[in-house]
N, C-alpha and C. Protein backbone atom coordinates (compact mmCIF):
# COMPACT_ATOMS: atom_id res chain seq x y z
N ALA A 1 111.96 84.66 97.88
CA ALA A 1 111.57 84.22 96.42
C ALA A 1 110.61 83.45 96.66
N TYR A 2 110.56 82.53 97.57
CA TYR A 2 109.34 81.65 97.73
C TYR A 2 107.94 82.04 97.90
N VAL A 3 108.07 83.41 98.75
CA VAL A 3 106.51 84.15 99.09
C VAL A 3 106.60 84.75 97.76
N ALA A 4 107.59 85.45 96.94
CA ALA A 4 107.06 85.87 95.80
C ALA A 4 106.35 84.89 94.78
N ALA A 5 107.01 83.88 94.78
CA ALA A 5 106.44 82.94 93.86
C ALA A 5 105.07 82.38 94.39
N GLY A 6 104.59 82.55 95.38
CA GLY A 6 103.74 81.86 95.90
C GLY A 6 103.62 80.45 96.34
N TYR A 7 104.84 80.05 96.63
CA TYR A 7 104.98 78.51 97.33
C TYR A 7 104.91 78.64 98.64
N THR A 8 105.03 79.67 99.62
CA THR A 8 105.06 79.96 100.73
C THR A 8 104.13 81.18 100.98
N ASP A 9 103.37 81.17 101.82
CA ASP A 9 102.45 82.34 102.41
C ASP A 9 103.08 83.34 103.14
N ALA A 10 104.33 82.89 103.88
CA ALA A 10 104.94 83.97 104.60
C ALA A 10 106.49 83.58 105.13
N PHE A 11 107.43 84.49 105.63
CA PHE A 11 108.57 83.96 105.86
C PHE A 11 109.05 85.23 106.97
N PHE A 12 109.93 84.73 107.90
CA PHE A 12 110.35 85.68 108.95
C PHE A 12 111.66 85.06 109.41
N GLU A 13 112.66 85.93 109.59
CA GLU A 13 113.97 85.53 110.12
C GLU A 13 114.47 86.63 110.74
N LYS A 14 115.52 86.57 111.75
CA LYS A 14 116.15 87.60 112.36
C LYS A 14 117.72 87.61 112.26
N GLY A 15 118.21 88.27 112.21
CA GLY A 15 119.90 88.44 112.09
C GLY A 15 120.35 88.55 110.45
N LEU A 16 119.46 89.03 109.79
CA LEU A 16 119.92 89.21 108.64
C LEU A 16 120.54 90.37 108.29
N GLN A 17 121.61 90.44 107.22
CA GLN A 17 121.91 91.75 106.76
C GLN A 17 121.17 92.27 105.62
N PRO A 18 121.39 93.32 105.45
CA PRO A 18 120.66 94.17 104.30
C PRO A 18 121.01 93.32 102.79
N TRP A 19 122.19 93.02 102.52
CA TRP A 19 122.31 92.09 101.16
C TRP A 19 121.44 90.80 101.30
N ASP A 20 121.24 90.19 102.39
CA ASP A 20 120.45 89.05 102.32
C ASP A 20 119.04 89.06 102.02
N VAL A 21 118.72 90.27 102.09
CA VAL A 21 117.10 90.49 101.96
C VAL A 21 116.80 91.46 100.93
N ALA A 22 117.50 92.27 100.48
CA ALA A 22 117.43 93.33 99.42
C ALA A 22 116.51 92.45 98.29
N ALA A 23 117.27 91.76 97.59
CA ALA A 23 116.61 91.28 96.23
C ALA A 23 115.35 90.70 96.59
N GLY A 24 115.09 89.50 97.49
CA GLY A 24 113.91 89.14 97.96
C GLY A 24 113.03 90.08 98.45
N SER A 25 113.14 91.16 99.00
CA SER A 25 112.07 92.16 99.34
C SER A 25 111.81 92.74 98.10
N LEU A 26 112.42 93.00 97.27
CA LEU A 26 112.04 93.42 95.80
C LEU A 26 111.03 92.59 95.08
N LEU A 27 111.34 91.33 95.14
CA LEU A 27 110.73 90.51 94.47
C LEU A 27 109.22 90.29 95.03
N VAL A 28 109.11 90.11 96.26
CA VAL A 28 107.87 90.28 97.09
C VAL A 28 106.99 91.34 96.85
N THR A 29 107.72 92.42 96.77
CA THR A 29 106.88 93.76 96.75
C THR A 29 106.38 93.78 95.17
N GLU A 30 107.01 93.22 94.45
CA GLU A 30 106.68 93.53 92.80
C GLU A 30 105.58 92.37 92.90
N ALA A 31 105.43 91.21 93.62
CA ALA A 31 104.55 90.36 93.30
C ALA A 31 103.05 90.76 93.92
N GLY A 32 103.09 91.78 94.62
CA GLY A 32 102.26 92.15 95.56
C GLY A 32 102.09 91.89 96.92
N GLY A 33 103.31 91.57 97.61
CA GLY A 33 103.13 90.92 98.83
C GLY A 33 103.66 92.13 99.76
N LEU A 34 104.10 91.98 100.82
CA LEU A 34 104.10 92.97 102.11
C LEU A 34 105.66 92.66 102.54
N VAL A 35 106.63 93.43 103.01
CA VAL A 35 107.79 93.06 103.47
C VAL A 35 107.90 94.04 104.55
N GLY A 36 108.27 93.66 105.79
CA GLY A 36 108.65 94.98 106.95
C GLY A 36 109.23 94.26 108.12
N ASN A 37 109.66 94.77 109.27
CA ASN A 37 110.20 94.28 110.28
C ASN A 37 109.03 93.76 111.33
N PHE A 38 109.53 93.26 112.36
CA PHE A 38 108.84 92.21 113.04
C PHE A 38 107.48 93.14 113.82
N THR A 39 107.46 94.29 113.39
CA THR A 39 106.10 95.26 113.98
C THR A 39 105.47 95.72 112.78
N GLY A 40 105.98 95.58 111.55
CA GLY A 40 105.32 95.62 110.29
C GLY A 40 105.73 96.98 109.94
N GLU A 41 106.62 97.41 110.33
CA GLU A 41 107.25 98.75 109.64
C GLU A 41 108.08 98.56 108.70
N SER A 42 108.21 99.39 107.70
CA SER A 42 109.15 99.26 106.40
C SER A 42 110.68 99.13 106.60
N GLU A 43 110.96 99.51 107.85
CA GLU A 43 112.53 99.66 108.33
C GLU A 43 112.99 98.34 108.72
N PHE A 44 113.01 97.34 107.72
CA PHE A 44 113.25 96.18 108.24
C PHE A 44 114.91 95.86 107.99
N LEU A 45 115.54 96.63 106.76
CA LEU A 45 116.92 96.88 106.56
C LEU A 45 117.94 97.40 107.77
N GLU A 46 117.43 98.07 108.44
CA GLU A 46 118.34 98.47 109.42
C GLU A 46 118.38 97.77 110.86
N GLN A 47 117.28 97.18 110.83
CA GLN A 47 116.92 96.34 112.31
C GLN A 47 117.34 94.79 112.10
N ASN A 48 117.98 94.40 111.14
CA ASN A 48 118.40 92.85 110.96
C ASN A 48 117.14 91.94 111.37
N GLU A 49 116.02 92.30 110.81
CA GLU A 49 114.88 91.46 111.02
C GLU A 49 114.13 91.62 109.72
N CYS A 50 113.40 90.59 109.51
CA CYS A 50 112.59 90.65 108.14
C CYS A 50 111.48 89.50 108.18
N MET A 51 110.21 89.82 107.78
CA MET A 51 109.40 89.08 107.62
C MET A 51 108.52 89.78 106.27
N ALA A 52 107.95 88.52 105.30
CA ALA A 52 107.26 88.85 104.14
C ALA A 52 106.19 87.89 104.06
N GLY A 53 105.18 88.41 103.60
CA GLY A 53 103.77 87.48 103.41
C GLY A 53 103.06 88.00 102.51
N ASN A 54 102.12 87.28 101.90
CA ASN A 54 100.90 87.68 101.07
C ASN A 54 100.33 88.82 102.03
N PRO A 55 99.29 89.48 101.20
CA PRO A 55 98.50 90.37 101.93
C PRO A 55 97.45 89.79 102.94
N ARG A 56 97.06 88.44 102.33
CA ARG A 56 95.95 87.65 103.06
C ARG A 56 96.68 87.50 104.76
N VAL A 57 97.90 87.22 104.91
CA VAL A 57 98.46 86.67 106.33
C VAL A 57 99.44 87.65 106.89
N TYR A 58 99.87 88.83 106.08
CA TYR A 58 100.58 89.67 106.72
C TYR A 58 100.34 90.34 108.13
N GLY A 59 99.11 90.74 108.43
CA GLY A 59 98.39 91.17 109.56
C GLY A 59 98.67 89.99 110.79
N GLN A 60 98.16 89.06 110.51
CA GLN A 60 98.46 87.79 111.35
C GLN A 60 100.08 87.23 111.41
N LEU A 61 100.68 87.78 110.58
CA LEU A 61 102.32 87.55 110.63
C LEU A 61 102.93 88.56 111.87
N VAL A 62 102.51 89.89 111.71
CA VAL A 62 102.86 91.09 112.40
C VAL A 62 102.40 90.65 113.74
N TRP A 63 101.31 89.99 114.10
CA TRP A 63 100.62 89.60 115.21
C TRP A 63 101.38 88.44 116.19
N ALA A 64 101.77 87.42 115.15
CA ALA A 64 102.31 86.29 115.79
C ALA A 64 103.72 86.18 115.95
N THR A 65 104.58 86.93 115.04
CA THR A 65 105.89 86.77 114.85
C THR A 65 106.80 87.12 116.09
N PRO A 66 106.61 88.20 117.13
CA PRO A 66 107.07 88.36 118.32
C PRO A 66 106.66 87.23 119.36
N ARG A 67 105.70 86.66 119.17
CA ARG A 67 105.06 85.74 120.21
C ARG A 67 105.77 84.44 119.84
N VAL A 68 106.04 83.88 118.46
CA VAL A 68 106.84 82.77 118.20
C VAL A 68 108.20 82.81 118.66
N ILE A 69 108.92 84.02 118.34
CA ILE A 69 110.06 84.22 118.99
C ILE A 69 110.49 84.35 120.02
N LEU A 70 109.42 84.59 121.11
CA LEU A 70 109.64 84.74 122.23
C LEU A 70 109.45 83.23 122.89
N ARG A 71 108.58 82.41 122.05
CA ARG A 71 108.58 80.97 122.77
C ARG A 71 109.48 80.24 122.36
N VAL A 72 110.20 80.47 121.02
CA VAL A 72 111.55 79.66 120.53
C VAL A 72 112.43 79.82 121.46
N THR A 73 112.67 80.84 121.99
CA THR A 73 113.60 81.00 122.86
C THR A 73 113.63 80.47 124.16
N LYS A 74 112.57 80.26 124.63
CA LYS A 74 112.28 79.38 125.77
C LYS A 74 112.04 78.04 125.71
N VAL A 75 112.39 77.36 124.50
CA VAL A 75 112.09 76.12 124.15
C VAL A 75 113.16 75.30 124.42
N SER A 76 113.02 74.02 125.40
CA SER A 76 114.05 73.25 125.76
C SER A 76 114.39 72.27 124.32
N PRO A 77 115.75 71.89 124.52
CA PRO A 77 116.36 71.06 123.26
C PRO A 77 115.20 69.61 123.27
N ARG A 78 114.98 68.94 124.33
CA ARG A 78 114.20 67.89 124.09
C ARG A 78 112.61 68.14 123.42
N ARG A 79 111.95 69.38 123.77
CA ARG A 79 110.84 69.66 123.38
C ARG A 79 110.94 70.02 121.92
N GLY A 80 111.81 70.67 121.37
CA GLY A 80 111.86 70.86 119.92
C GLY A 80 110.96 72.02 119.60
N LEU A 81 110.47 72.16 118.43
CA LEU A 81 109.56 72.98 117.73
C LEU A 81 108.23 72.28 117.54
N SER A 82 108.04 71.04 118.03
CA SER A 82 106.60 70.55 117.70
C SER A 82 105.50 71.51 118.03
N TRP A 83 105.57 72.28 119.06
CA TRP A 83 104.33 73.18 119.28
C TRP A 83 103.99 74.44 118.37
N LEU A 84 104.91 74.42 117.38
CA LEU A 84 104.98 75.44 116.56
C LEU A 84 103.86 74.82 115.45
N LYS A 85 103.90 73.64 115.22
CA LYS A 85 102.95 73.10 114.10
C LYS A 85 101.64 73.02 114.56
N ARG A 86 101.40 73.06 115.97
CA ARG A 86 99.97 73.30 116.47
C ARG A 86 99.32 74.41 116.74
N MET A 87 100.36 75.37 116.20
CA MET A 87 100.02 76.92 116.51
C MET A 87 99.31 77.55 115.13
N PRO A 88 98.03 77.47 115.02
CA PRO A 88 97.34 77.65 113.96
C PRO A 88 97.37 79.39 113.82
N LEU A 89 97.44 80.05 112.58
CA LEU A 89 97.11 81.36 112.32
C LEU A 89 95.54 81.48 112.19
N GLN A 90 94.82 82.39 112.75
CA GLN A 90 93.49 82.53 112.57
C GLN A 90 93.24 83.90 112.21
N ALA A 91 92.01 83.84 111.26
CA ALA A 91 91.80 84.91 110.58
C ALA A 91 91.30 86.07 111.55
N ASN A 92 90.74 85.89 112.61
CA ASN A 92 90.21 86.77 113.61
C ASN A 92 91.16 87.21 114.71
N MET A 93 92.30 87.18 114.60
CA MET A 93 93.34 87.26 115.84
C MET A 93 93.09 88.83 115.95
N PRO A 94 93.21 89.38 117.32
CA PRO A 94 93.28 90.70 117.50
C PRO A 94 94.59 91.76 116.80
């Protein structure tokens, strides 16, 4: 709902059930946003992963989300997620 309202540009989460994202995905889609799985495909309900974003950042989100998840699983407890704040999304990502 925050993406649909424009409060945030994007959202992603893993381990969600279809009932967790059904209403929010409708809101985002009706507001002009894009919703999909981590590879950008529309089968997010069956794969228990979801990302949503406005059209300006959705392509960058498709590129960055798998890399962020890979790095998060390798983060030590002392280091935390401070590196994530330093990882800007760029308009010219491949």
